[in-house]
């Protein structure tokens, strides 16, 4: 059975990168090796894998990736910390989200 990983990397500049892959170890290595000069992470290395979630269906993985990509830095930070209470709090907040 094929597996698809939605992953979150924390970049050296404090930003986050969200992606999907079928080989999480290889993909983290590729980001840190700087394989693609035009990639978002190329100038933000080293990167660290801070979250990974496995899916059996590529369509579900892509949907979750797109969802997480739309999140604020604060929500991504909470996801990296597995702080689901904080994520729920940020979801219910109205107005601009704080990164604090």
C-alpha atoms as a PDB file:
ATOM      1  CA  UNK A   1       0.000   0.000   0.000  1.00  0.00           C
ATOM      2  CA  UNK A   2       1.378   3.373  -1.034  1.00  0.00           C
ATOM      3  CA  UNK A   3       1.781   6.103   1.584  1.00  0.00           C
ATOM      4  CA  UNK A   4       1.760   9.853   1.083  1.00  0.00           C
ATOM      5  CA  UNK A   5       3.187  12.204   3.658  1.00  0.00           C
ATOM      6  CA  UNK A   6       2.094  15.776   4.291  1.00  0.00           C
ATOM      7  CA  UNK A   7       5.040  17.453   5.983  1.00  0.00           C
ATOM      8  CA  UNK A   8       5.991  20.746   7.553  1.00  0.00           C
ATOM      9  CA  UNK A   9       9.553  22.028   7.575  1.00  0.00           C
ATOM     10  CA  UNK A  10      10.837  24.839   9.751  1.00  0.00           C
ATOM     11  CA  UNK A  11      13.359  26.840   7.767  1.00  0.00           C
ATOM     12  CA  UNK A  12      16.473  28.544   9.135  1.00  0.00           C
ATOM     13  CA  UNK A  13      14.774  31.944   8.791  1.00  0.00           C
ATOM     14  CA  UNK A  14      11.818  30.821  10.953  1.00  0.00           C
ATOM     15  CA  UNK A  15       9.392  30.405   8.069  1.00  0.00           C
ATOM     16  CA  UNK A  16       7.564  27.175   7.331  1.00  0.00           C
ATOM     17  CA  UNK A  17       7.282  25.083   4.194  1.00  0.00           C
ATOM     18  CA  UNK A  18       4.453  22.595   3.637  1.00  0.00           C
ATOM     19  CA  UNK A  19       4.675  19.795   1.096  1.00  0.00           C
ATOM     20  CA  UNK A  20       3.542  16.307   0.161  1.00  0.00           C
ATOM     21  CA  UNK A  21       5.697  13.317  -0.794  1.00  0.00           C
ATOM     22  CA  UNK A  22       5.703   9.546  -0.992  1.00  0.00           C
ATOM     23  CA  UNK A  23       9.165   9.324   0.648  1.00  0.00           C
ATOM     24  CA  UNK A  24       9.581  11.589   3.664  1.00  0.00           C
ATOM     25  CA  UNK A  25      13.247  10.787   4.366  1.00  0.00           C
ATOM     26  CA  UNK A  26      14.335  11.377   0.777  1.00  0.00           C
ATOM     27  CA  UNK A  27      12.317  14.593   0.531  1.00  0.00           C
ATOM     28  CA  UNK A  28      13.808  16.085   3.708  1.00  0.00           C
ATOM     29  CA  UNK A  29      17.279  15.232   2.402  1.00  0.00           C
ATOM     30  CA  UNK A  30      16.473  16.869  -0.962  1.00  0.00           C
ATOM     31  CA  UNK A  31      15.381  20.090   0.740  1.00  0.00           C
ATOM     32  CA  UNK A  32      18.549  20.231   2.849  1.00  0.00           C
ATOM     33  CA  UNK A  33      20.779  19.315  -0.113  1.00  0.00           C
ATOM     34  CA  UNK A  34      19.383  22.247  -2.095  1.00  0.00           C
ATOM     35  CA  UNK A  35      18.669  20.138  -5.182  1.00  0.00           C
ATOM     36  CA  UNK A  36      16.500  22.827  -6.798  1.00  0.00           C
ATOM     37  CA  UNK A  37      17.946  26.333  -6.742  1.00  0.00           C
ATOM     38  CA  UNK A  38      14.523  27.836  -7.461  1.00  0.00           C
ATOM     39  CA  UNK A  39      12.867  26.062  -4.499  1.00  0.00           C
ATOM     40  CA  UNK A  40      11.519  28.102  -1.574  1.00  0.00           C
ATOM     41  CA  UNK A  41      13.727  26.248   0.890  1.00  0.00           C
ATOM     42  CA  UNK A  42      16.970  26.588  -1.096  1.00  0.00           C
ATOM     43  CA  UNK A  43      18.006  29.913   0.457  1.00  0.00           C
ATOM     44  CA  UNK A  44      16.442  29.027   3.828  1.00  0.00           C
ATOM     45  CA  UNK A  45      18.543  25.970   4.693  1.00  0.00           C
ATOM     46  CA  UNK A  46      19.003  24.117   6.854  1.00  0.00           C
ATOM     47  CA  UNK A  47      15.422  22.980   7.267  1.00  0.00           C
ATOM     48  CA  UNK A  48      14.052  20.722   9.979  1.00  0.00           C
ATOM     49  CA  UNK A  49      11.134  18.346   9.701  1.00  0.00           C
ATOM     50  CA  UNK A  50       8.716  19.388  12.461  1.00  0.00           C
ATOM     51  CA  UNK A  51       5.511  17.590  11.417  1.00  0.00           C
ATOM     52  CA  UNK A  52       4.547  14.678   9.204  1.00  0.00           C
ATOM     53  CA  UNK A  53       1.186  12.984   8.697  1.00  0.00           C
ATOM     54  CA  UNK A  54       0.690   9.889   6.557  1.00  0.00           C
ATOM     55  CA  UNK A  55      -2.257   9.254   4.218  1.00  0.00           C
ATOM     56  CA  UNK A  56      -3.167   6.246   2.098  1.00  0.00           C
ATOM     57  CA  UNK A  57      -4.978   8.382  -0.493  1.00  0.00           C
ATOM     58  CA  UNK A  58      -3.028  10.976  -2.497  1.00  0.00           C
ATOM     59  CA  UNK A  59      -6.127  13.144  -2.871  1.00  0.00           C
ATOM     60  CA  UNK A  60      -6.597  13.341   0.894  1.00  0.00           C
ATOM     61  CA  UNK A  61      -2.913  14.152   1.321  1.00  0.00           C
ATOM     62  CA  UNK A  62      -3.075  16.948  -1.244  1.00  0.00           C
ATOM     63  CA  UNK A  63      -6.237  18.357   0.355  1.00  0.00           C
ATOM     64  CA  UNK A  64      -4.581  18.414   3.810  1.00  0.00           C
ATOM     65  CA  UNK A  65      -1.416  19.968   2.348  1.00  0.00           C
ATOM     66  CA  UNK A  66      -3.441  22.776   0.729  1.00  0.00           C
ATOM     67  CA  UNK A  67      -5.344  23.321   3.961  1.00  0.00           C
ATOM     68  CA  UNK A  68      -2.170  23.627   6.051  1.00  0.00           C
ATOM     69  CA  UNK A  69      -0.520  25.868   3.438  1.00  0.00           C
ATOM     70  CA  UNK A  70      -3.284  28.400   4.060  1.00  0.00           C
ATOM     71  CA  UNK A  71      -2.605  28.551   7.788  1.00  0.00           C
ATOM     72  CA  UNK A  72      -0.882  31.386   9.616  1.00  0.00           C
ATOM     73  CA  UNK A  73       2.620  30.984  11.015  1.00  0.00           C
ATOM     74  CA  UNK A  74       1.088  30.763  14.505  1.00  0.00           C
ATOM     75  CA  UNK A  75      -1.092  27.806  13.504  1.00  0.00           C
ATOM     76  CA  UNK A  76       1.835  26.083  11.796  1.00  0.00           C
ATOM     77  CA  UNK A  77       3.946  26.605  14.922  1.00  0.00           C
ATOM     78  CA  UNK A  78       1.161  25.017  16.994  1.00  0.00           C
ATOM     79  CA  UNK A  79       0.939  22.113  14.532  1.00  0.00           C
ATOM     80  CA  UNK A  80       4.698  21.552  14.834  1.00  0.00           C
ATOM     81  CA  UNK A  81       4.239  21.406  18.612  1.00  0.00           C
ATOM     82  CA  UNK A  82       1.160  19.135  18.315  1.00  0.00           C
ATOM     83  CA  UNK A  83      -0.715  21.818  20.268  1.00  0.00           C
ATOM     84  CA  UNK A  84      -4.243  21.083  19.067  1.00  0.00           C
ATOM     85  CA  UNK A  85      -5.791  23.294  21.782  1.00  0.00           C
ATOM     86  CA  UNK A  86      -3.838  26.272  20.413  1.00  0.00           C
ATOM     87  CA  UNK A  87      -4.872  25.411  16.855  1.00  0.00           C
ATOM     88  CA  UNK A  88      -8.545  25.330  17.916  1.00  0.00           C
ATOM     89  CA  UNK A  89      -8.088  28.663  19.704  1.00  0.00           C
ATOM     90  CA  UNK A  90      -6.581  30.233  16.588  1.00  0.00           C
ATOM     91  CA  UNK A  91      -9.342  28.814  14.386  1.00  0.00           C
ATOM     92  CA  UNK A  92     -12.007  30.483  16.518  1.00  0.00           C
ATOM     93  CA  UNK A  93     -10.241  33.834  16.738  1.00  0.00           C
ATOM     94  CA  UNK A  94     -11.677  36.672  14.672  1.00  0.00           C
ATOM     95  CA  UNK A  95      -9.628  39.342  12.934  1.00  0.00           C
ATOM     96  CA  UNK A  96      -5.913  39.289  12.166  1.00  0.00           C
ATOM     97  CA  UNK A  97      -3.970  36.423  13.704  1.00  0.00           C
ATOM     98  CA  UNK A  98      -0.953  37.119  15.845  1.00  0.00           C
ATOM     99  CA  UNK A  99       2.308  35.224  15.440  1.00  0.00           C
ATOM    100  CA  UNK A 100       2.979  35.451  19.160  1.00  0.00           C
END
